[in-house]
Amino acid sequence: MCENGVNYTQLKLAFHQMIKANELLEKNLSQWKNIVDSAESECLSQLLEDSIKKTSGATCSLKSIFSEINRLSDEHHHENEITITKV
């Protein structure tokens, strides 16, 4: 559906892909942190931990955006529905 030049389906897909990419990034960072922890580099471990937290925060923000896109999509979809009632 397209409202005011916005195709909600494409927008949902784009944000869904960003969410999945961030989740994968967070998983990879966690795996690398586990490997680095055994190398006993406190600085590197801390940098990876900070990256994991920031990635997690970005994922939460993207999920909020995705929810708002869904809300807007549903809101606009219902405005364009036609109900036929028996006379």
N, C-alpha and C. Protein backbone atom coordinates (compact mmCIF):
# COMPACT_ATOMS: atom_id res chain seq x y z
N MET A 1 0.84 -1.18 0.00
CA MET A 1 0.00 0.00 0.00
C MET A 1 0.88 1.23 0.00
N CYS A 2 0.44 2.23 -0.70
CA CYS A 2 1.24 3.45 -0.82
C CYS A 2 0.39 4.64 -0.38
N GLU A 3 0.86 5.37 0.59
CA GLU A 3 0.18 6.57 1.08
C GLU A 3 1.17 7.73 1.03
N ASN A 4 0.81 8.80 0.37
CA ASN A 4 1.66 9.98 0.32
C ASN A 4 3.10 9.65 -0.11
N GLY A 5 3.24 8.75 -1.04
CA GLY A 5 4.56 8.41 -1.55
C GLY A 5 5.32 7.40 -0.71
N VAL A 6 4.70 6.86 0.33
CA VAL A 6 5.38 5.87 1.18
C VAL A 6 4.77 4.50 0.92
N ASN A 7 5.61 3.58 0.49
CA ASN A 7 5.17 2.21 0.31
C ASN A 7 5.48 1.48 1.62
N TYR A 8 4.46 1.24 2.41
CA TYR A 8 4.66 0.65 3.74
C TYR A 8 5.26 -0.75 3.67
N THR A 9 4.90 -1.51 2.66
CA THR A 9 5.44 -2.86 2.54
C THR A 9 6.95 -2.82 2.35
N GLN A 10 7.41 -1.94 1.46
CA GLN A 10 8.85 -1.81 1.24
C GLN A 10 9.55 -1.26 2.48
N LEU A 11 8.92 -0.32 3.16
CA LEU A 11 9.49 0.26 4.37
C LEU A 11 9.62 -0.79 5.47
N LYS A 12 8.56 -1.61 5.63
CA LYS A 12 8.61 -2.68 6.62
C LYS A 12 9.73 -3.66 6.30
N LEU A 13 9.85 -4.03 5.04
CA LEU A 13 10.89 -4.97 4.63
C LEU A 13 12.29 -4.41 4.92
N ALA A 14 12.50 -3.15 4.58
CA ALA A 14 13.81 -2.53 4.80
C ALA A 14 14.17 -2.52 6.29
N PHE A 15 13.23 -2.15 7.15
CA PHE A 15 13.52 -2.11 8.58
C PHE A 15 13.65 -3.50 9.17
N HIS A 16 12.87 -4.44 8.67
CA HIS A 16 13.00 -5.82 9.13
C HIS A 16 14.40 -6.35 8.81
N GLN A 17 14.90 -6.04 7.61
CA GLN A 17 16.24 -6.47 7.23
C GLN A 17 17.31 -5.81 8.10
N MET A 18 17.13 -4.53 8.43
CA MET A 18 18.09 -3.86 9.30
C MET A 18 18.09 -4.48 10.70
N ILE A 19 16.91 -4.83 11.20
CA ILE A 19 16.81 -5.48 12.51
C ILE A 19 17.55 -6.80 12.50
N LYS A 20 17.31 -7.62 11.47
CA LYS A 20 17.97 -8.93 11.38
C LYS A 20 19.49 -8.77 11.24
N ALA A 21 19.93 -7.79 10.47
CA ALA A 21 21.37 -7.54 10.31
C ALA A 21 21.99 -7.14 11.66
N ASN A 22 21.31 -6.29 12.41
CA ASN A 22 21.82 -5.88 13.72
C ASN A 22 21.85 -7.04 14.70
N GLU A 23 20.83 -7.90 14.67
CA GLU A 23 20.82 -9.07 15.54
C GLU A 23 22.00 -9.99 15.22
N LEU A 24 22.29 -10.15 13.95
CA LEU A 24 23.43 -10.96 13.53
C LEU A 24 24.74 -10.31 13.98
N LEU A 25 24.84 -9.00 13.83
CA LEU A 25 26.03 -8.28 14.27
C LEU A 25 26.23 -8.45 15.77
N GLU A 26 25.15 -8.32 16.54
CA GLU A 26 25.25 -8.48 17.99
C GLU A 26 25.73 -9.89 18.35
N LYS A 27 25.19 -10.88 17.65
CA LYS A 27 25.61 -12.27 17.90
C LYS A 27 27.10 -12.45 17.58
N ASN A 28 27.54 -11.90 16.45
CA ASN A 28 28.95 -12.00 16.07
C ASN A 28 29.86 -11.28 17.06
N LEU A 29 29.46 -10.11 17.49
CA LEU A 29 30.26 -9.38 18.49
C LEU A 29 30.37 -10.17 19.79
N SER A 30 29.28 -10.80 20.20
CA SER A 30 29.30 -11.61 21.42
C SER A 30 30.24 -12.79 21.27
N GLN A 31 30.22 -13.42 20.11
CA GLN A 31 31.13 -14.54 19.87
C GLN A 31 32.59 -14.09 19.93
N TRP A 32 32.87 -12.95 19.30
CA TRP A 32 34.24 -12.43 19.32
C TRP A 32 34.65 -12.03 20.74
N LYS A 33 33.71 -11.48 21.50
CA LYS A 33 34.02 -11.11 22.88
C LYS A 33 34.40 -12.35 23.68
N ASN A 34 33.67 -13.43 23.50
CA ASN A 34 33.98 -14.67 24.21
C ASN A 34 35.38 -15.18 23.85
N ILE A 35 35.77 -15.05 22.60
CA ILE A 35 37.10 -15.47 22.16
C ILE A 35 38.16 -14.56 22.77
N VAL A 36 37.90 -13.25 22.71
CA VAL A 36 38.87 -12.26 23.20
C VAL A 36 39.03 -12.34 24.72
N ASP A 37 37.95 -12.69 25.43
CA ASP A 37 38.03 -12.79 26.89
C ASP A 37 39.13 -13.77 27.32
N SER A 38 39.31 -14.82 26.54
CA SER A 38 40.35 -15.79 26.89
C SER A 38 41.76 -15.26 26.60
N ALA A 39 41.85 -14.20 25.79
CA ALA A 39 43.15 -13.60 25.48
C ALA A 39 43.59 -12.62 26.57
N GLU A 40 42.71 -12.38 27.53
CA GLU A 40 43.00 -11.51 28.67
C GLU A 40 43.38 -10.08 28.29
N SER A 41 42.65 -9.55 27.32
CA SER A 41 42.83 -8.14 26.94
C SER A 41 41.62 -7.37 27.44
N GLU A 42 41.76 -6.74 28.60
CA GLU A 42 40.66 -6.01 29.22
C GLU A 42 40.13 -4.89 28.32
N CYS A 43 41.04 -4.18 27.68
CA CYS A 43 40.65 -3.07 26.81
C CYS A 43 39.81 -3.55 25.64
N LEU A 44 40.27 -4.60 24.97
CA LEU A 44 39.54 -5.13 23.82
C LEU A 44 38.20 -5.71 24.25
N SER A 45 38.17 -6.40 25.37
CA SER A 45 36.91 -6.94 25.89
C SER A 45 35.91 -5.82 26.17
N GLN A 46 36.40 -4.74 26.76
CA GLN A 46 35.52 -3.61 27.08
C GLN A 46 34.98 -2.94 25.81
N LEU A 47 35.85 -2.78 24.82
CA LEU A 47 35.41 -2.18 23.56
C LEU A 47 34.34 -3.04 22.88
N LEU A 48 34.53 -4.35 22.92
CA LEU A 48 33.54 -5.25 22.34
C LEU A 48 32.23 -5.20 23.13
N GLU A 49 32.33 -5.14 24.45
CA GLU A 49 31.14 -5.05 25.30
C GLU A 49 30.37 -3.76 24.99
N ASP A 50 31.07 -2.66 24.83
CA ASP A 50 30.44 -1.39 24.48
C ASP A 50 29.75 -1.49 23.12
N SER A 51 30.39 -2.14 22.17
CA SER A 51 29.80 -2.31 20.84
C SER A 51 28.54 -3.16 20.90
N ILE A 52 28.57 -4.19 21.72
CA ILE A 52 27.39 -5.05 21.88
C ILE A 52 26.22 -4.24 22.45
N LYS A 53 26.49 -3.43 23.47
CA LYS A 53 25.44 -2.61 24.08
C LYS A 53 24.87 -1.59 23.09
N LYS A 54 25.74 -0.97 22.32
CA LYS A 54 25.28 0.02 21.33
C LYS A 54 24.48 -0.64 20.22
N THR A 55 24.93 -1.80 19.79
CA THR A 55 24.20 -2.54 18.75
C THR A 55 22.84 -2.96 19.27
N SER A 56 22.79 -3.41 20.52
CA SER A 56 21.52 -3.80 21.13
C SER A 56 20.57 -2.61 21.22
N GLY A 57 21.12 -1.45 21.59
CA GLY A 57 20.30 -0.23 21.65
C GLY A 57 19.77 0.17 20.29
N ALA A 58 20.62 0.04 19.28
CA ALA A 58 20.19 0.37 17.91
C ALA A 58 19.09 -0.59 17.46
N THR A 59 19.22 -1.86 17.81
CA THR A 59 18.21 -2.85 17.45
C THR A 59 16.88 -2.52 18.12
N CYS A 60 16.91 -2.12 19.37
CA CYS A 60 15.68 -1.72 20.08
C CYS A 60 15.03 -0.52 19.40
N SER A 61 15.84 0.44 19.00
CA SER A 61 15.31 1.62 18.30
C SER A 61 14.67 1.23 16.98
N LEU A 62 15.34 0.35 16.24
CA LEU A 62 14.80 -0.11 14.96
C LEU A 62 13.48 -0.86 15.16
N LYS A 63 13.39 -1.64 16.23
CA LYS A 63 12.15 -2.36 16.51
C LYS A 63 11.02 -1.38 16.85
N SER A 64 11.34 -0.31 17.54
CA SER A 64 10.33 0.72 17.83
C SER A 64 9.86 1.39 16.55
N ILE A 65 10.81 1.68 15.68
CA ILE A 65 10.46 2.27 14.39
C ILE A 65 9.57 1.32 13.60
N PHE A 66 9.93 0.03 13.60
CA PHE A 66 9.16 -0.98 12.88
C PHE A 66 7.72 -1.05 13.42
N SER A 67 7.57 -0.98 14.74
CA SER A 67 6.24 -0.99 15.35
C SER A 67 5.42 0.22 14.91
N GLU A 68 6.06 1.37 14.86
CA GLU A 68 5.36 2.58 14.42
C GLU A 68 4.97 2.48 12.95
N ILE A 69 5.83 1.92 12.12
CA ILE A 69 5.50 1.72 10.71
C ILE A 69 4.29 0.80 10.60
N ASN A 70 4.26 -0.28 11.40
CA ASN A 70 3.10 -1.18 11.39
C ASN A 70 1.83 -0.46 11.81
N ARG A 71 1.94 0.37 12.83
CA ARG A 71 0.77 1.12 13.30
C ARG A 71 0.25 2.05 12.21
N LEU A 72 1.16 2.77 11.59
CA LEU A 72 0.76 3.69 10.52
C LEU A 72 0.17 2.94 9.33
N SER A 73 0.80 1.83 9.00
CA SER A 73 0.31 1.01 7.89
C SER A 73 -1.10 0.52 8.16
N ASP A 74 -1.34 0.03 9.37
CA ASP A 74 -2.68 -0.45 9.74
C ASP A 74 -3.68 0.69 9.75
N GLU A 75 -3.27 1.83 10.26
CA GLU A 75 -4.15 3.00 10.34
C GLU A 75 -4.57 3.44 8.93
N HIS A 76 -3.64 3.52 8.03
CA HIS A 76 -3.95 3.96 6.67
C HIS A 76 -4.69 2.88 5.89
N HIS A 77 -4.41 1.65 6.19
CA HIS A 77 -5.08 0.56 5.50
C HIS A 77 -6.57 0.57 5.81
N HIS A 78 -6.94 0.79 7.05
CA HIS A 78 -8.34 0.78 7.45
C HIS A 78 -9.10 1.97 6.87
N GLU A 79 -8.43 3.07 6.64
CA GLU A 79 -9.09 4.24 6.06
C GLU A 79 -9.53 3.97 4.63
N ASN A 80 -8.80 3.10 3.93
CA ASN A 80 -9.10 2.85 2.53
C ASN A 80 -9.98 1.62 2.31
N GLU A 81 -10.36 0.95 3.40
CA GLU A 81 -11.22 -0.21 3.26
C GLU A 81 -12.65 0.24 2.97
N ILE A 82 -13.34 -0.58 2.22
CA ILE A 82 -14.74 -0.32 1.89
C ILE A 82 -15.59 -1.41 2.51
N THR A 83 -16.60 -1.02 3.23
CA THR A 83 -17.52 -1.99 3.81
C THR A 83 -18.81 -1.96 3.03
N ILE A 84 -19.25 -3.12 2.60
CA ILE A 84 -20.51 -3.22 1.86
C ILE A 84 -21.54 -3.83 2.79
N THR A 85 -22.63 -3.12 2.98
CA THR A 85 -23.69 -3.62 3.85
C THR A 85 -24.95 -3.81 3.03
N LYS A 86 -25.72 -4.81 3.45
CA LYS A 86 -26.99 -5.09 2.78
C LYS A 86 -27.98 -3.97 3.07
N VAL A 87 -28.75 -3.58 2.05
CA VAL A 87 -29.74 -2.52 2.23
C VAL A 87 -31.10 -3.12 2.44
